[in-house]
């Protein structure tokens, strides 16, 4: 396992039915996955409920959450797998931020 920590930005779209407490629990679960991969969460920003451009799973709204973190690339694969399996997350996108 390499010691190269890379900066990432993760955008999550969750189901719109989540209450504030359930959303907080989901964010803690995701940040726990990052910490389990020896990563560091730099910041979390909840954008709130927004309309989707197109229906996903017959939903027209979702709650957007942005998480900035540092993680080893091998840990990013495990994080992606966990995000795909969570049914409260309808879409996610993790991008590596360039050093430029």
PDB file of N, CA and C in Angstrom:
ATOM      1  N   UNK A   1       0.843  -1.182   0.000  1.00  0.00           N
ATOM      2  CA  UNK A   1       0.000   0.000   0.000  1.00  0.00           C
ATOM      3  C   UNK A   1       0.888   1.245   0.000  1.00  0.00           C
ATOM      4  N   UNK A   2       0.638   2.145  -0.922  1.00  0.00           N
ATOM      5  CA  UNK A   2       1.466   3.339  -1.029  1.00  0.00           C
ATOM      6  C   UNK A   2       1.031   4.391  -0.012  1.00  0.00           C
ATOM      7  N   UNK A   3       1.903   5.335   0.236  1.00  0.00           N
ATOM      8  CA  UNK A   3       1.626   6.396   1.191  1.00  0.00           C
ATOM      9  C   UNK A   3       1.227   7.687   0.512  1.00  0.00           C
ATOM     10  N   UNK A   4       0.841   7.639  -0.748  1.00  0.00           N
ATOM     11  CA  UNK A   4       0.458   8.827  -1.491  1.00  0.00           C
ATOM     12  C   UNK A   4      -0.985   9.177  -1.151  1.00  0.00           C
ATOM     13  N   UNK A   5      -1.166  10.336  -0.539  1.00  0.00           N
ATOM     14  CA  UNK A   5      -2.514  10.800  -0.217  1.00  0.00           C
ATOM     15  C   UNK A   5      -2.930  11.799  -1.300  1.00  0.00           C
ATOM     16  N   UNK A   6      -4.080  11.571  -1.872  1.00  0.00           N
ATOM     17  CA  UNK A   6      -4.578  12.454  -2.923  1.00  0.00           C
ATOM     18  C   UNK A   6      -5.818  13.187  -2.429  1.00  0.00           C
ATOM     19  N   UNK A   7      -6.023  14.388  -2.971  1.00  0.00           N
ATOM     20  CA  UNK A   7      -7.210  15.177  -2.630  1.00  0.00           C
ATOM     21  C   UNK A   7      -8.364  14.773  -3.532  1.00  0.00           C
ATOM     22  N   UNK A   8      -9.535  14.576  -2.933  1.00  0.00           N
ATOM     23  CA  UNK A   8     -10.741  14.202  -3.665  1.00  0.00           C
ATOM     24  C   UNK A   8     -11.896  15.101  -3.259  1.00  0.00           C
ATOM     25  N   UNK A   9     -12.848  15.210  -4.168  1.00  0.00           N
ATOM     26  CA  UNK A   9     -14.117  15.853  -3.872  1.00  0.00           C
ATOM     27  C   UNK A   9     -15.211  14.862  -4.229  1.00  0.00           C
ATOM     28  N   UNK A  10     -16.097  14.596  -3.292  1.00  0.00           N
ATOM     29  CA  UNK A  10     -17.165  13.624  -3.462  1.00  0.00           C
ATOM     30  C   UNK A  10     -18.499  14.351  -3.414  1.00  0.00           C
ATOM     31  N   UNK A  11     -19.329  14.149  -4.435  1.00  0.00           N
ATOM     32  CA  UNK A  11     -20.680  14.695  -4.452  1.00  0.00           C
ATOM     33  C   UNK A  11     -21.642  13.518  -4.358  1.00  0.00           C
ATOM     34  N   UNK A  12     -22.524  13.579  -3.368  1.00  0.00           N
ATOM     35  CA  UNK A  12     -23.541  12.555  -3.165  1.00  0.00           C
ATOM     36  C   UNK A  12     -24.908  13.138  -3.430  1.00  0.00           C
ATOM     37  N   UNK A  13     -25.777  12.350  -4.028  1.00  0.00           N
ATOM     38  CA  UNK A  13     -27.190  12.705  -4.117  1.00  0.00           C
ATOM     39  C   UNK A  13     -27.935  11.610  -3.370  1.00  0.00           C
ATOM     40  N   UNK A  14     -28.627  11.997  -2.311  1.00  0.00           N
ATOM     41  CA  UNK A  14     -29.354  11.026  -1.501  1.00  0.00           C
ATOM     42  C   UNK A  14     -30.842  11.097  -1.813  1.00  0.00           C
ATOM     43  N   UNK A  15     -31.571  10.101  -1.346  1.00  0.00           N
ATOM     44  CA  UNK A  15     -33.016  10.101  -1.518  1.00  0.00           C
ATOM     45  C   UNK A  15     -33.596  11.305  -0.774  1.00  0.00           C
ATOM     46  N   UNK A  16     -34.637  11.940  -1.318  1.00  0.00           N
ATOM     47  CA  UNK A  16     -35.157  13.167  -0.706  1.00  0.00           C
ATOM     48  C   UNK A  16     -35.948  12.927   0.581  1.00  0.00           C
ATOM     49  N   UNK A  17     -36.281  11.688   0.906  1.00  0.00           N
ATOM     50  CA  UNK A  17     -37.085  11.394   2.081  1.00  0.00           C
ATOM     51  C   UNK A  17     -36.296  11.439   3.386  1.00  0.00           C
ATOM     52  N   UNK A  18     -34.980  11.590   3.325  1.00  0.00           N
ATOM     53  CA  UNK A  18     -34.161  11.562   4.537  1.00  0.00           C
ATOM     54  C   UNK A  18     -34.464  12.755   5.430  1.00  0.00           C
ATOM     55  N   UNK A  19     -34.672  12.472   6.702  1.00  0.00           N
ATOM     56  CA  UNK A  19     -34.802  13.528   7.701  1.00  0.00           C
ATOM     57  C   UNK A  19     -33.396  14.021   8.047  1.00  0.00           C
ATOM     58  N   UNK A  20     -33.314  15.112   8.779  1.00  0.00           N
ATOM     59  CA  UNK A  20     -32.019  15.703   9.109  1.00  0.00           C
ATOM     60  C   UNK A  20     -31.148  14.736   9.913  1.00  0.00           C
ATOM     61  N   UNK A  21     -31.748  14.010  10.837  1.00  0.00           N
ATOM     62  CA  UNK A  21     -30.989  13.058  11.656  1.00  0.00           C
ATOM     63  C   UNK A  21     -30.452  11.896  10.811  1.00  0.00           C
ATOM     64  N   UNK A  22     -31.281  11.394   9.891  1.00  0.00           N
ATOM     65  CA  UNK A  22     -30.845  10.295   9.019  1.00  0.00           C
ATOM     66  C   UNK A  22     -29.753  10.762   8.064  1.00  0.00           C
ATOM     67  N   UNK A  23     -29.837  12.004   7.599  1.00  0.00           N
ATOM     68  CA  UNK A  23     -28.806  12.553   6.720  1.00  0.00           C
ATOM     69  C   UNK A  23     -27.481  12.687   7.471  1.00  0.00           C
ATOM     70  N   UNK A  24     -27.545  13.145   8.718  1.00  0.00           N
ATOM     71  CA  UNK A  24     -26.341  13.244   9.543  1.00  0.00           C
ATOM     72  C   UNK A  24     -25.711  11.878   9.752  1.00  0.00           C
ATOM     73  N   UNK A  25     -26.542  10.861   9.987  1.00  0.00           N
ATOM     74  CA  UNK A  25     -26.044   9.494  10.165  1.00  0.00           C
ATOM     75  C   UNK A  25     -25.379   8.990   8.894  1.00  0.00           C
ATOM     76  N   UNK A  26     -25.981   9.279   7.730  1.00  0.00           N
ATOM     77  CA  UNK A  26     -25.404   8.866   6.451  1.00  0.00           C
ATOM     78  C   UNK A  26     -24.048   9.533   6.222  1.00  0.00           C
ATOM     79  N   UNK A  27     -23.955  10.824   6.500  1.00  0.00           N
ATOM     80  CA  UNK A  27     -22.690  11.547   6.331  1.00  0.00           C
ATOM     81  C   UNK A  27     -21.627  10.972   7.266  1.00  0.00           C
ATOM     82  N   UNK A  28     -22.000  10.649   8.502  1.00  0.00           N
ATOM     83  CA  UNK A  28     -21.055  10.043   9.441  1.00  0.00           C
ATOM     84  C   UNK A  28     -20.595   8.677   8.953  1.00  0.00           C
ATOM     85  N   UNK A  29     -21.509   7.914   8.333  1.00  0.00           N
ATOM     86  CA  UNK A  29     -21.149   6.600   7.800  1.00  0.00           C
ATOM     87  C   UNK A  29     -20.137   6.745   6.664  1.00  0.00           C
ATOM     88  N   UNK A  30     -20.366   7.705   5.765  1.00  0.00           N
ATOM     89  CA  UNK A  30     -19.447   7.929   4.637  1.00  0.00           C
ATOM     90  C   UNK A  30     -18.091   8.417   5.140  1.00  0.00           C
ATOM     91  N   UNK A  31     -18.088   9.355   6.088  1.00  0.00           N
ATOM     92  CA  UNK A  31     -16.810   9.824   6.629  1.00  0.00           C
ATOM     93  C   UNK A  31     -16.109   8.708   7.404  1.00  0.00           C
ATOM     94  N   UNK A  32     -16.857   7.783   7.975  1.00  0.00           N
ATOM     95  CA  UNK A  32     -16.265   6.620   8.626  1.00  0.00           C
ATOM     96  C   UNK A  32     -15.571   5.709   7.630  1.00  0.00           C
ATOM     97  N   UNK A  33     -16.165   5.548   6.449  1.00  0.00           N
ATOM     98  CA  UNK A  33     -15.532   4.746   5.394  1.00  0.00           C
ATOM     99  C   UNK A  33     -14.217   5.389   4.953  1.00  0.00           C
ATOM    100  N   UNK A  34     -14.220   6.726   4.881  1.00  0.00           N
ATOM    101  CA  UNK A  34     -13.001   7.439   4.502  1.00  0.00           C
ATOM    102  C   UNK A  34     -11.939   7.244   5.576  1.00  0.00           C
ATOM    103  N   UNK A  35     -12.336   7.376   6.838  1.00  0.00           N
ATOM    104  CA  UNK A  35     -11.392   7.194   7.948  1.00  0.00           C
ATOM    105  C   UNK A  35     -10.886   5.753   8.006  1.00  0.00           C
ATOM    106  N   UNK A  36     -11.730   4.781   7.665  1.00  0.00           N
ATOM    107  CA  UNK A  36     -11.312   3.376   7.670  1.00  0.00           C
ATOM    108  C   UNK A  36     -10.223   3.110   6.634  1.00  0.00           C
ATOM    109  N   UNK A  37     -10.204   3.907   5.566  1.00  0.00           N
ATOM    110  CA  UNK A  37      -9.155   3.787   4.551  1.00  0.00           C
ATOM    111  C   UNK A  37      -7.963   4.674   4.847  1.00  0.00           C
ATOM    112  N   UNK A  38      -7.820   5.106   6.115  1.00  0.00           N
ATOM    113  CA  UNK A  38      -6.749   5.993   6.568  1.00  0.00           C
ATOM    114  C   UNK A  38      -6.794   7.345   5.875  1.00  0.00           C
ATOM    115  N   UNK A  39      -8.001   7.810   5.561  1.00  0.00           N
ATOM    116  CA  UNK A  39      -8.176   9.111   4.934  1.00  0.00           C
ATOM    117  C   UNK A  39      -8.521  10.180   5.954  1.00  0.00           C
ATOM    118  N   UNK A  40      -8.544  11.418   5.473  1.00  0.00           N
ATOM    119  CA  UNK A  40      -8.857  12.570   6.308  1.00  0.00           C
ATOM    120  C   UNK A  40      -9.934  13.399   5.630  1.00  0.00           C
ATOM    121  N   UNK A  41     -11.011  13.695   6.349  1.00  0.00           N
ATOM    122  CA  UNK A  41     -12.080  14.539   5.808  1.00  0.00           C
ATOM    123  C   UNK A  41     -11.697  15.990   6.050  1.00  0.00           C
ATOM    124  N   UNK A  42     -11.660  16.769   4.967  1.00  0.00           N
ATOM    125  CA  UNK A  42     -11.282  18.176   5.056  1.00  0.00           C
ATOM    126  C   UNK A  42     -12.484  19.085   5.296  1.00  0.00           C
ATOM    127  N   UNK A  43     -13.645  18.673   4.778  1.00  0.00           N
ATOM    128  CA  UNK A  43     -14.839  19.489   4.954  1.00  0.00           C
ATOM    129  C   UNK A  43     -16.066  18.829   4.363  1.00  0.00           C
ATOM    130  N   UNK A  44     -17.217  19.209   4.902  1.00  0.00           N
ATOM    131  CA  UNK A  44     -18.495  18.687   4.428  1.00  0.00           C
ATOM    132  C   UNK A  44     -19.436  19.861   4.216  1.00  0.00           C
ATOM    133  N   UNK A  45     -20.149  19.850   3.106  1.00  0.00           N
ATOM    134  CA  UNK A  45     -21.085  20.923   2.788  1.00  0.00           C
ATOM    135  C   UNK A  45     -22.385  20.306   2.277  1.00  0.00           C
ATOM    136  N   UNK A  46     -23.484  20.567   2.972  1.00  0.00           N
ATOM    137  CA  UNK A  46     -24.789  20.064   2.548  1.00  0.00           C
ATOM    138  C   UNK A  46     -25.460  21.161   1.730  1.00  0.00           C
ATOM    139  N   UNK A  47     -25.675  20.888   0.451  1.00  0.00           N
ATOM    140  CA  UNK A  47     -26.324  21.863  -0.423  1.00  0.00           C
ATOM    141  C   UNK A  47     -27.829  21.865  -0.253  1.00  0.00           C
ATOM    142  N   UNK A  48     -28.383  20.777   0.235  1.00  0.00           N
ATOM    143  CA  UNK A  48     -29.818  20.706   0.472  1.00  0.00           C
ATOM    144  C   UNK A  48     -30.565  20.034  -0.673  1.00  0.00           C
ATOM    145  N   UNK A  49     -31.880  20.119  -0.593  1.00  0.00           N
ATOM    146  CA  UNK A  49     -32.765  19.474  -1.563  1.00  0.00           C
ATOM    147  C   UNK A  49     -32.807  20.287  -2.859  1.00  0.00           C
ATOM    148  N   UNK A  50     -32.575  19.590  -3.972  1.00  0.00           N
ATOM    149  CA  UNK A  50     -32.589  20.230  -5.294  1.00  0.00           C
ATOM    150  C   UNK A  50     -33.308  19.331  -6.288  1.00  0.00           C
ATOM    151  N   UNK A  51     -33.819  19.941  -7.345  1.00  0.00           N
ATOM    152  CA  UNK A  51     -34.427  19.171  -8.427  1.00  0.00           C
ATOM    153  C   UNK A  51     -33.336  18.496  -9.246  1.00  0.00           C
ATOM    154  N   UNK A  52     -33.619  17.290  -9.681  1.00  0.00           N
ATOM    155  CA  UNK A  52     -32.690  16.561 -10.537  1.00  0.00           C
ATOM    156  C   UNK A  52     -32.959  16.927 -11.995  1.00  0.00           C
ATOM    157  N   UNK A  53     -31.951  16.843 -12.828  1.00  0.00           N
ATOM    158  CA  UNK A  53     -32.101  17.145 -14.255  1.00  0.00           C
ATOM    159  C   UNK A  53     -32.994  16.114 -14.942  1.00  0.00           C
ATOM    160  N   UNK A  54     -32.957  14.877 -14.447  1.00  0.00           N
ATOM    161  CA  UNK A  54     -33.797  13.807 -14.982  1.00  0.00           C
ATOM    162  C   UNK A  54     -34.128  12.855 -13.835  1.00  0.00           C
ATOM    163  N   UNK A  55     -35.191  12.106 -13.979  1.00  0.00           N
ATOM    164  CA  UNK A  55     -35.623  11.197 -12.918  1.00  0.00           C
ATOM    165  C   UNK A  55     -34.628  10.051 -12.744  1.00  0.00           C
ATOM    166  N   UNK A  56     -34.299   9.757 -11.504  1.00  0.00           N
ATOM    167  CA  UNK A  56     -33.445   8.632 -11.148  1.00  0.00           C
ATOM    168  C   UNK A  56     -34.253   7.782 -10.175  1.00  0.00           C
ATOM    169  N   UNK A  57     -34.467   6.520 -10.525  1.00  0.00           N
ATOM    170  CA  UNK A  57     -35.291   5.620  -9.712  1.00  0.00           C
ATOM    171  C   UNK A  57     -36.667   6.230  -9.425  1.00  0.00           C
ATOM    172  N   UNK A  58     -37.225   6.915 -10.398  1.00  0.00           N
ATOM    173  CA  UNK A  58     -38.522   7.584 -10.331  1.00  0.00           C
ATOM    174  C   UNK A  58     -38.547   8.742  -9.328  1.00  0.00           C
ATOM    175  N   UNK A  59     -37.387   9.254  -8.953  1.00  0.00           N
ATOM    176  CA  UNK A  59     -37.279  10.409  -8.060  1.00  0.00           C
ATOM    177  C   UNK A  59     -36.912  11.637  -8.881  1.00  0.00           C
ATOM    178  N   UNK A  60     -37.524  12.766  -8.559  1.00  0.00           N
ATOM    179  CA  UNK A  60     -37.231  14.010  -9.268  1.00  0.00           C
ATOM    180  C   UNK A  60     -36.463  15.003  -8.401  1.00  0.00           C
ATOM    181  N   UNK A  61     -36.257  14.673  -7.119  1.00  0.00           N
ATOM    182  CA  UNK A  61     -35.496  15.516  -6.204  1.00  0.00           C
ATOM    183  C   UNK A  61     -34.462  14.673  -5.477  1.00  0.00           C
ATOM    184  N   UNK A  62     -33.453  15.339  -4.946  1.00  0.00           N
ATOM    185  CA  UNK A  62     -32.452  14.667  -4.138  1.00  0.00           C
ATOM    186  C   UNK A  62     -31.777  15.669  -3.229  1.00  0.00           C
ATOM    187  N   UNK A  63     -31.119  15.163  -2.202  1.00  0.00           N
ATOM    188  CA  UNK A  63     -30.360  16.012  -1.290  1.00  0.00           C
ATOM    189  C   UNK A  63     -28.894  15.902  -1.682  1.00  0.00           C
ATOM    190  N   UNK A  64     -28.281  17.032  -1.976  1.00  0.00           N
ATOM    191  CA  UNK A  64     -26.889  17.073  -2.428  1.00  0.00           C
ATOM    192  C   UNK A  64     -25.955  17.308  -1.236  1.00  0.00           C
ATOM    193  N   UNK A  65     -24.873  16.541  -1.185  1.00  0.00           N
ATOM    194  CA  UNK A  65     -23.851  16.674  -0.143  1.00  0.00           C
ATOM    195  C   UNK A  65     -22.487  16.635  -0.821  1.00  0.00           C
ATOM    196  N   UNK A  66     -21.596  17.557  -0.442  1.00  0.00           N
ATOM    197  CA  UNK A  66     -20.233  17.599  -0.979  1.00  0.00           C
ATOM    198  C   UNK A  66     -19.259  17.347   0.172  1.00  0.00           C
ATOM    199  N   UNK A  67     -18.343  16.386  -0.032  1.00  0.00           N
ATOM    200  CA  UNK A  67     -17.346  16.047   0.982  1.00  0.00           C
ATOM    201  C   UNK A  67     -15.966  16.154   0.341  1.00  0.00           C
ATOM    202  N   UNK A  68     -15.084  16.963   0.925  1.00  0.00           N
ATOM    203  CA  UNK A  68     -13.695  17.075   0.485  1.00  0.00           C
ATOM    204  C   UNK A  68     -12.837  16.251   1.439  1.00  0.00           C
ATOM    205  N   UNK A  69     -11.949  15.427   0.869  1.00  0.00           N
ATOM    206  CA  UNK A  69     -11.145  14.547   1.709  1.00  0.00           C
ATOM    207  C   UNK A  69      -9.840  14.183   1.026  1.00  0.00           C
ATOM    208  N   UNK A  70      -8.913  13.633   1.821  1.00  0.00           N
ATOM    209  CA  UNK A  70      -7.663  13.079   1.319  1.00  0.00           C
ATOM    210  C   UNK A  70      -7.688  11.590   1.583  1.00  0.00           C
ATOM    211  N   UNK A  71      -7.238  10.805   0.585  1.00  0.00           N
ATOM    212  CA  UNK A  71      -7.280   9.357   0.712  1.00  0.00           C
ATOM    213  C   UNK A  71      -6.264   8.724  -0.222  1.00  0.00           C
ATOM    214  N   UNK A  72      -5.757   7.581   0.178  1.00  0.00           N
ATOM    215  CA  UNK A  72      -4.883   6.778  -0.668  1.00  0.00           C
ATOM    216  C   UNK A  72      -5.723   6.236  -1.833  1.00  0.00           C
ATOM    217  N   UNK A  73      -5.185   6.169  -3.046  1.00  0.00           N
ATOM    218  CA  UNK A  73      -5.962   5.685  -4.194  1.00  0.00           C
ATOM    219  C   UNK A  73      -6.561   4.292  -4.001  1.00  0.00           C
ATOM    220  N   UNK A  74      -5.878   3.404  -3.291  1.00  0.00           N
ATOM    221  CA  UNK A  74      -6.448   2.078  -3.076  1.00  0.00           C
ATOM    222  C   UNK A  74      -7.658   2.145  -2.149  1.00  0.00           C
ATOM    223  N   UNK A  75      -7.683   3.093  -1.233  1.00  0.00           N
ATOM    224  CA  UNK A  75      -8.838   3.289  -0.358  1.00  0.00           C
ATOM    225  C   UNK A  75     -10.019   3.879  -1.107  1.00  0.00           C
ATOM    226  N   UNK A  76      -9.746   4.607  -2.189  1.00  0.00           N
ATOM    227  CA  UNK A  76     -10.828   5.205  -2.979  1.00  0.00           C
ATOM    228  C   UNK A  76     -11.670   4.130  -3.664  1.00  0.00           C
ATOM    229  N   UNK A  77     -11.050   3.029  -4.049  1.00  0.00           N
ATOM    230  CA  UNK A  77     -11.804   1.930  -4.680  1.00  0.00           C
ATOM    231  C   UNK A  77     -12.783   1.307  -3.687  1.00  0.00           C
ATOM    232  N   UNK A  78     -12.344   1.107  -2.464  1.00  0.00           N
ATOM    233  CA  UNK A  78     -13.216   0.531  -1.429  1.00  0.00           C
ATOM    234  C   UNK A  78     -14.346   1.507  -1.078  1.00  0.00           C
ATOM    235  N   UNK A  79     -14.034   2.798  -1.034  1.00  0.00           N
ATOM    236  CA  UNK A  79     -15.059   3.807  -0.773  1.00  0.00           C
ATOM    237  C   UNK A  79     -16.113   3.781  -1.866  1.00  0.00           C
ATOM    238  N   UNK A  80     -15.689   3.709  -3.124  1.00  0.00           N
ATOM    239  CA  UNK A  80     -16.619   3.662  -4.250  1.00  0.00           C
ATOM    240  C   UNK A  80     -17.531   2.438  -4.153  1.00  0.00           C
ATOM    241  N   UNK A  81     -16.979   1.304  -3.760  1.00  0.00           N
ATOM    242  CA  UNK A  81     -17.770   0.087  -3.613  1.00  0.00           C
ATOM    243  C   UNK A  81     -18.836   0.257  -2.530  1.00  0.00           C
ATOM    244  N   UNK A  82     -18.467   0.844  -1.400  1.00  0.00           N
ATOM    245  CA  UNK A  82     -19.425   1.069  -0.316  1.00  0.00           C
ATOM    246  C   UNK A  82     -20.523   2.049  -0.721  1.00  0.00           C
ATOM    247  N   UNK A  83     -20.160   3.085  -1.475  1.00  0.00           N
ATOM    248  CA  UNK A  83     -21.146   4.072  -1.922  1.00  0.00           C
ATOM    249  C   UNK A  83     -22.157   3.437  -2.881  1.00  0.00           C
ATOM    250  N   UNK A  84     -21.689   2.531  -3.742  1.00  0.00           N
ATOM    251  CA  UNK A  84     -22.583   1.853  -4.680  1.00  0.00           C
ATOM    252  C   UNK A  84     -23.590   0.955  -3.962  1.00  0.00           C
ATOM    253  N   UNK A  85     -23.188   0.377  -2.832  1.00  0.00           N
ATOM    254  CA  UNK A  85     -24.050  -0.559  -2.115  1.00  0.00           C
ATOM    255  C   UNK A  85     -25.070   0.123  -1.195  1.00  0.00           C
ATOM    256  N   UNK A  86     -24.849   1.385  -0.849  1.00  0.00           N
ATOM    257  CA  UNK A  86     -25.761   2.083   0.055  1.00  0.00           C
ATOM    258  C   UNK A  86     -27.016   2.519  -0.702  1.00  0.00           C
ATOM    259  N   UNK A  87     -28.173   2.062  -0.276  1.00  0.00           N
ATOM    260  CA  UNK A  87     -29.413   2.341  -0.996  1.00  0.00           C
ATOM    261  C   UNK A  87     -29.955   3.746  -0.766  1.00  0.00           C
ATOM    262  N   UNK A  88     -29.444   4.468   0.235  1.00  0.00           N
ATOM    263  CA  UNK A  88     -29.879   5.845   0.461  1.00  0.00           C
ATOM    264  C   UNK A  88     -29.200   6.813  -0.498  1.00  0.00           C
ATOM    265  N   UNK A  89     -28.122   6.373  -1.141  1.00  0.00           N
ATOM    266  CA  UNK A  89     -27.392   7.209  -2.099  1.00  0.00           C
ATOM    267  C   UNK A  89     -27.846   6.817  -3.498  1.00  0.00           C
ATOM    268  N   UNK A  90     -28.449   7.785  -4.224  1.00  0.00           N
ATOM    269  CA  UNK A  90     -28.932   7.451  -5.566  1.00  0.00           C
ATOM    270  C   UNK A  90     -27.886   7.722  -6.643  1.00  0.00           C
ATOM    271  N   UNK A  91     -26.954   8.651  -6.389  1.00  0.00           N
ATOM    272  CA  UNK A  91     -25.844   8.902  -7.304  1.00  0.00           C
ATOM    273  C   UNK A  91     -24.666   9.431  -6.497  1.00  0.00           C
ATOM    274  N   UNK A  92     -23.454   9.166  -6.984  1.00  0.00           N
ATOM    275  CA  UNK A  92     -22.259   9.739  -6.372  1.00  0.00           C
ATOM    276  C   UNK A  92     -21.202   9.936  -7.450  1.00  0.00           C
ATOM    277  N   UNK A  93     -20.335  10.891  -7.203  1.00  0.00           N
ATOM    278  CA  UNK A  93     -19.211  11.144  -8.105  1.00  0.00           C
ATOM    279  C   UNK A  93     -18.038  11.625  -7.265  1.00  0.00           C
ATOM    280  N   UNK A  94     -16.937  10.889  -7.327  1.00  0.00           N
ATOM    281  CA  UNK A  94     -15.711  11.281  -6.625  1.00  0.00           C
ATOM    282  C   UNK A  94     -14.686  11.654  -7.687  1.00  0.00           C
ATOM    283  N   UNK A  95     -14.163  12.849  -7.588  1.00  0.00           N
ATOM    284  CA  UNK A  95     -13.136  13.284  -8.532  1.00  0.00           C
ATOM    285  C   UNK A  95     -11.866  13.621  -7.775  1.00  0.00           C
ATOM    286  N   UNK A  96     -10.740  13.354  -8.410  1.00  0.00           N
ATOM    287  CA  UNK A  96      -9.448  13.706  -7.839  1.00  0.00           C
ATOM    288  C   UNK A  96      -9.142  15.135  -8.224  1.00  0.00           C
ATOM    289  N   UNK A  97      -8.801  15.943  -7.238  1.00  0.00           N
ATOM    290  CA  UNK A  97      -8.470  17.336  -7.491  1.00  0.00           C
ATOM    291  C   UNK A  97      -7.005  17.421  -7.898  1.00  0.00           C
ATOM    292  N   UNK A  98      -6.729  18.129  -8.981  1.00  0.00           N
ATOM    293  CA  UNK A  98      -5.346  18.277  -9.451  1.00  0.00           C
ATOM    294  C   UNK A  98      -4.581  19.274  -8.584  1.00  0.00           C
ATOM    295  N   UNK A  99      -3.278  19.137  -8.613  1.00  0.00           N
ATOM    296  CA  UNK A  99      -2.436  20.042  -7.840  1.00  0.00           C
ATOM    297  C   UNK A  99      -2.160  21.349  -8.572  1.00  0.00           C
ATOM    298  N   UNK A 100      -2.655  21.498  -9.780  1.00  0.00           N
ATOM    299  CA  UNK A 100      -2.378  22.715 -10.592  1.00  0.00           C
ATOM    300  C   UNK A 100      -2.923  23.938  -9.944  1.00  0.00           C
TER     301      UNK A 100
END
